[in-house]
Amino acid sequence: MDFILVLIVSVTHNYYIVENYNDIVYLTEMFMISFLPKIITTMDA
């Protein structure tokens, strides 16, 4: 019983970590997409 409980807790914990990671990746992609044109124009100039 304890083992199953620990397993469930660890799985949900890992799930939350993955969800947070996905949010960070999403925000980073949005940041890059919004700033990429400015970076490219600065490099061209």
C-alpha atoms as a PDB file:
ATOM      1  CA  MET A   1       0.000   0.000   0.000  1.00  0.00           C
ATOM      2  CA  ASP A   2       2.749   2.455   0.924  1.00  0.00           C
ATOM      3  CA  PHE A   3       4.702   1.552  -2.201  1.00  0.00           C
ATOM      4  CA  ILE A   4       1.693   2.256  -4.423  1.00  0.00           C
ATOM      5  CA  LEU A   5       1.100   5.568  -2.649  1.00  0.00           C
ATOM      6  CA  VAL A   6       4.738   6.590  -3.114  1.00  0.00           C
ATOM      7  CA  LEU A   7       4.559   5.535  -6.767  1.00  0.00           C
ATOM      8  CA  ILE A   8       1.450   7.656  -7.343  1.00  0.00           C
ATOM      9  CA  VAL A   9       3.023  10.661  -5.603  1.00  0.00           C
ATOM     10  CA  SER A  10       6.248  10.362  -7.611  1.00  0.00           C
ATOM     11  CA  VAL A  11       4.352   9.992 -10.900  1.00  0.00           C
ATOM     12  CA  THR A  12       2.180  13.040 -10.206  1.00  0.00           C
ATOM     13  CA  HIS A  13       5.282  14.963  -9.098  1.00  0.00           C
ATOM     14  CA  ASN A  14       7.070  14.099 -12.349  1.00  0.00           C
ATOM     15  CA  TYR A  15       3.913  15.003 -14.283  1.00  0.00           C
ATOM     16  CA  TYR A  16       3.873  18.461 -12.718  1.00  0.00           C
ATOM     17  CA  ILE A  17       7.580  18.917 -13.473  1.00  0.00           C
ATOM     18  CA  VAL A  18       6.972  17.984 -17.126  1.00  0.00           C
ATOM     19  CA  GLU A  19       3.993  20.352 -17.311  1.00  0.00           C
ATOM     20  CA  ASN A  20       6.048  23.213 -15.888  1.00  0.00           C
ATOM     21  CA  TYR A  21       8.863  22.377 -18.318  1.00  0.00           C
ATOM     22  CA  ASN A  22       6.420  22.482 -21.226  1.00  0.00           C
ATOM     23  CA  ASP A  23       5.170  25.874 -20.043  1.00  0.00           C
ATOM     24  CA  ILE A  24       8.747  27.177 -19.880  1.00  0.00           C
ATOM     25  CA  VAL A  25       9.519  25.840 -23.367  1.00  0.00           C
ATOM     26  CA  TYR A  26       6.301  27.396 -24.696  1.00  0.00           C
ATOM     27  CA  LEU A  27       7.119  30.776 -23.143  1.00  0.00           C
ATOM     28  CA  THR A  28      10.674  30.595 -24.468  1.00  0.00           C
ATOM     29  CA  GLU A  29       9.419  29.823 -27.969  1.00  0.00           C
ATOM     30  CA  MET A  30       6.956  32.722 -27.810  1.00  0.00           C
ATOM     31  CA  PHE A  31       9.797  34.976 -26.610  1.00  0.00           C
ATOM     32  CA  MET A  32      12.095  33.854 -29.424  1.00  0.00           C
ATOM     33  CA  ILE A  33       9.394  34.190 -32.088  1.00  0.00           C
ATOM     34  CA  SER A  34       8.511  37.710 -30.933  1.00  0.00           C
ATOM     35  CA  PHE A  35      12.142  38.885 -30.705  1.00  0.00           C
ATOM     36  CA  LEU A  36      13.623  37.027 -33.684  1.00  0.00           C
ATOM     37  CA  PRO A  37      12.762  39.736 -36.270  1.00  0.00           C
ATOM     38  CA  LYS A  38      14.431  42.406 -34.103  1.00  0.00           C
ATOM     39  CA  ILE A  39      17.537  40.241 -33.699  1.00  0.00           C
ATOM     40  CA  ILE A  40      17.697  39.554 -37.461  1.00  0.00           C
ATOM     41  CA  THR A  41      17.286  43.235 -38.378  1.00  0.00           C
ATOM     42  CA  THR A  42      19.967  44.188 -35.847  1.00  0.00           C
ATOM     43  CA  MET A  43      22.334  41.616 -37.341  1.00  0.00           C
ATOM     44  CA  ASP A  44      21.651  42.853 -40.881  1.00  0.00           C
ATOM     45  CA  ALA A  45      22.279  46.463 -39.851  1.00  0.00           C
END
